[in-house]
Amino acid sequence: MSARGNRIFGDNEIRFLRELVRARVEFMIVGLSAAALQGAAVVTQDVDLWFRDTEDVGIKKALKKVGGKYLSSMGDNPPVFVGDVVEFFDIVLRMHGLGEFDEEKEGSIKVALGAFKVPVLPLARIIKSKQALGRPKDRLYLKVLADTQKSNRGRVRLVRGVRQRRDAQGGRDLDPSGRGRPGKRARNR
């Protein structure tokens, strides 16, 4: 993955995520990539994607556009993506300690990646999942994630060059000029 400027994704990852959004696939970025998109100082080698339906035809459509392929699950192994453009993506079938996909998606936040937005699991839910897993590597990140969550309240953050901040009173997403966009409510930031 690329770390040019404030980007955590390279061009390949951006292309695939854009195609998933265009195909209207119900998904969320979860795990440490989701945390990094929210400003956490973490490093990960993969991008965990949680889908409402791993058999959604839009996934295969998006993969075809970027030259990737989909291999269905075999036994206890989850499905996987194959191809250079999608090599850093992993499919998550469930998030330990959390509700079902639809319940968690309801509380997701949208993060801008240039001209489009992706749904991201909020830091509070990432923390809860990592606590439920309780693996040593997950416990290592808990303080960083909690500190990031605390410092994000009402602060400005940059996501791939797009300035976003939350209106402390109304919870609205603000555009770079600081003006709220009517009807756009921020949830679970």
Protein backbone atom coordinates (compact mmCIF):
# COMPACT_ATOMS: atom_id res chain seq x y z
CA MET A 1 0.00 0.00 0.00
CA SER A 2 1.14 3.49 -0.73
CA ALA A 3 1.68 6.18 1.86
CA ARG A 4 2.07 9.15 -0.50
CA GLY A 5 1.05 12.28 1.37
CA ASN A 6 -1.77 11.34 3.68
CA ARG A 7 -3.04 8.45 1.54
CA ILE A 8 -3.04 4.98 2.99
CA PHE A 9 -4.16 3.30 -0.24
CA GLY A 10 -2.35 3.02 -3.52
CA ASP A 11 -3.96 3.58 -6.90
CA ASN A 12 -4.90 -0.11 -7.25
CA GLU A 13 -6.78 -0.17 -3.96
CA ILE A 14 -8.54 3.10 -4.84
CA ARG A 15 -9.61 1.68 -8.22
CA PHE A 16 -11.15 -1.44 -6.69
CA LEU A 17 -12.93 0.45 -3.92
CA ARG A 18 -14.31 2.91 -6.49
CA GLU A 19 -15.66 0.04 -8.58
CA LEU A 20 -17.32 -1.54 -5.53
CA VAL A 21 -19.05 1.77 -4.82
CA ARG A 22 -20.07 2.17 -8.47
CA ALA A 23 -21.52 -1.37 -8.46
CA ARG A 24 -23.49 -0.46 -5.31
CA VAL A 25 -22.02 -3.34 -3.34
CA GLU A 26 -22.95 -3.28 0.35
CA PHE A 27 -19.59 -3.38 2.16
CA MET A 28 -17.54 -1.71 4.87
CA ILE A 29 -13.82 -1.27 5.41
CA VAL A 30 -13.07 -2.75 8.83
CA GLY A 31 -10.00 -3.52 10.93
CA LEU A 32 -6.82 -1.48 11.03
CA SER A 33 -7.30 0.02 7.57
CA ALA A 34 -10.59 1.48 8.80
CA ALA A 35 -8.78 2.76 11.88
CA ALA A 36 -6.04 4.34 9.75
CA LEU A 37 -8.68 6.10 7.62
CA GLN A 38 -9.92 7.66 10.86
CA GLY A 39 -6.47 8.93 11.78
CA ALA A 40 -5.05 6.08 13.87
CA ALA A 41 -1.28 5.75 13.67
CA VAL A 42 -1.34 2.05 12.78
CA VAL A 43 0.28 -0.07 10.11
CA THR A 44 -1.31 -3.01 8.33
CA GLN A 45 -0.53 -4.97 5.21
CA ASP A 46 -4.10 -5.67 4.20
CA VAL A 47 -7.48 -4.05 3.74
CA ASP A 48 -10.28 -5.98 5.43
CA LEU A 49 -13.63 -5.76 3.65
CA TRP A 50 -16.87 -6.96 5.23
CA PHE A 51 -19.66 -7.61 2.74
CA ARG A 52 -23.37 -7.94 3.32
CA ASP A 53 -23.37 -10.77 0.79
CA THR A 54 -20.10 -12.27 -0.46
CA GLU A 55 -21.99 -13.62 -3.48
CA ASP A 56 -23.18 -10.15 -4.59
CA VAL A 57 -22.76 -10.01 -8.38
CA GLY A 58 -21.47 -6.45 -8.03
CA ILE A 59 -18.30 -7.82 -6.41
CA LYS A 60 -17.49 -9.89 -9.48
CA LYS A 61 -18.40 -6.96 -11.73
CA ALA A 62 -15.98 -4.69 -9.82
CA LEU A 63 -13.27 -7.35 -9.90
CA LYS A 64 -13.64 -7.79 -13.65
CA LYS A 65 -13.21 -4.02 -14.19
CA VAL A 66 -9.86 -4.08 -12.36
CA GLY A 67 -8.61 -7.44 -13.65
CA GLY A 68 -9.23 -9.44 -10.49
CA LYS A 69 -10.98 -12.73 -9.83
CA TYR A 70 -13.10 -14.17 -7.03
CA LEU A 71 -12.53 -17.62 -5.57
CA SER A 72 -15.43 -18.99 -3.55
CA SER A 73 -14.94 -20.32 -0.05
CA MET A 74 -13.75 -23.88 0.41
CA GLY A 75 -14.44 -25.60 3.69
CA ASP A 76 -13.51 -23.30 6.56
CA ASN A 77 -11.54 -20.95 4.28
CA PRO A 78 -13.24 -17.67 3.36
CA PRO A 79 -13.52 -16.58 -0.27
CA VAL A 80 -10.50 -14.70 -1.63
CA PHE A 81 -9.66 -12.20 -4.33
CA VAL A 82 -6.95 -13.03 -6.84
CA GLY A 83 -4.98 -10.57 -8.96
CA ASP A 84 -2.37 -7.83 -8.63
CA VAL A 85 -4.89 -5.01 -8.16
CA VAL A 86 -6.69 -6.79 -5.29
CA GLU A 87 -3.77 -8.58 -3.63
CA PHE A 88 -4.02 -6.53 -0.41
CA PHE A 89 -7.75 -7.10 0.15
CA ASP A 90 -9.10 -9.72 2.55
CA ILE A 91 -12.72 -10.77 2.93
CA VAL A 92 -14.07 -10.74 6.48
CA LEU A 93 -17.05 -13.01 7.14
CA ARG A 94 -17.88 -11.70 10.61
CA MET A 95 -16.57 -9.27 13.17
CA HIS A 96 -16.01 -10.81 16.60
CA GLY A 97 -17.95 -9.16 19.40
CA LEU A 98 -20.15 -7.13 17.04
CA GLY A 99 -23.64 -7.43 15.60
CA GLU A 100 -24.64 -8.63 12.15
CA PHE A 101 -23.53 -6.70 9.07
CA ASP A 102 -26.77 -4.73 8.62
CA GLU A 103 -26.76 -3.57 12.24
CA GLU A 104 -23.12 -2.43 12.07
CA LYS A 105 -23.51 -0.83 8.63
CA GLU A 106 -26.26 1.38 10.04
CA GLY A 107 -23.67 3.01 12.31
CA SER A 108 -20.88 3.19 9.74
CA ILE A 109 -19.28 6.46 8.73
CA LYS A 110 -18.44 7.65 5.22
CA VAL A 111 -14.85 8.57 4.50
CA ALA A 112 -13.87 10.44 1.35
CA LEU A 113 -11.29 8.90 -0.95
CA GLY A 114 -10.99 11.64 -3.50
CA ALA A 115 -14.23 11.98 -5.47
CA PHE A 116 -16.09 9.13 -3.77
CA LYS A 117 -16.80 7.91 -0.25
CA VAL A 118 -16.49 4.50 1.33
CA PRO A 119 -18.30 3.10 4.36
CA VAL A 120 -16.00 2.52 7.33
CA LEU A 121 -16.57 0.82 10.66
CA PRO A 122 -16.22 3.45 13.42
CA LEU A 123 -13.28 3.30 15.82
CA ALA A 124 -15.52 2.44 18.80
CA ARG A 125 -16.70 -0.71 17.00
CA ILE A 126 -13.17 -1.64 15.89
CA ILE A 127 -12.05 -1.33 19.51
CA LYS A 128 -14.93 -3.51 20.70
CA SER A 129 -14.08 -6.20 18.14
CA LYS A 130 -10.39 -6.19 19.01
CA GLN A 131 -11.27 -6.47 22.71
CA ALA A 132 -13.55 -9.43 21.95
CA LEU A 133 -10.83 -11.18 19.94
CA GLY A 134 -8.31 -10.64 22.72
CA ARG A 135 -5.33 -11.74 20.64
CA PRO A 136 -1.98 -10.29 21.76
CA LYS A 137 -1.58 -8.40 18.46
CA ASP A 138 -5.05 -6.86 18.88
CA ARG A 139 -4.40 -5.81 22.47
CA LEU A 140 -1.25 -3.96 21.30
CA TYR A 141 -3.38 -1.54 19.27
CA LEU A 142 -6.11 -0.82 21.82
CA LYS A 143 -4.43 2.22 23.43
CA VAL A 144 -3.60 3.79 20.06
CA LEU A 145 -7.16 3.25 18.86
CA ALA A 146 -8.69 4.67 22.06
CA ASP A 147 -6.37 7.70 21.96
CA THR A 148 -7.30 8.32 18.31
CA GLN A 149 -10.99 8.05 19.09
CA LYS A 150 -10.61 10.57 21.92
CA SER A 151 -8.59 13.03 19.83
CA ASN A 152 -10.98 12.77 16.83
CA ARG A 153 -13.96 14.21 18.68
CA GLY A 154 -14.71 17.50 16.93
CA ARG A 155 -11.31 17.80 15.29
CA VAL A 156 -10.24 18.35 11.73
CA ARG A 157 -8.78 15.42 9.85
CA LEU A 158 -7.43 14.92 6.37
CA VAL A 159 -8.35 11.92 4.27
CA ARG A 160 -6.56 11.80 0.91
CA GLY A 161 -6.47 15.55 0.68
CA VAL A 162 -10.14 16.07 1.61
CA ARG A 163 -10.61 18.14 4.72
CA GLN A 164 -13.41 16.87 6.94
CA ARG A 165 -14.52 17.80 10.38
CA ARG A 166 -17.48 17.31 12.59
CA ASP A 167 -19.67 20.10 13.86
CA ALA A 168 -19.45 19.61 17.64
CA GLN A 169 -23.03 20.78 18.25
CA GLY A 170 -25.00 19.21 15.42
CA GLY A 171 -22.82 16.29 14.41
CA ARG A 172 -22.98 17.39 10.78
CA ASP A 173 -20.19 16.67 8.34
CA LEU A 174 -18.64 19.95 7.25
CA ASP A 175 -17.16 20.72 3.88
CA PRO A 176 -13.67 22.29 3.69
CA SER A 177 -15.14 25.79 4.03
CA GLY A 178 -16.67 24.82 7.38
CA ARG A 179 -20.25 25.09 6.13
CA GLY A 180 -22.51 22.20 7.06
CA ARG A 181 -24.28 20.27 4.36
CA PRO A 182 -27.97 20.21 5.31
CA GLY A 183 -29.42 16.76 5.79
CA LYS A 184 -26.07 15.05 6.18
CA ARG A 185 -25.80 13.81 9.74
CA ALA A 186 -22.62 12.28 11.14
CA ARG A 187 -23.11 9.15 13.23
CA ASN A 188 -20.84 7.40 15.67
CA ARG A 189 -17.75 9.46 15.13
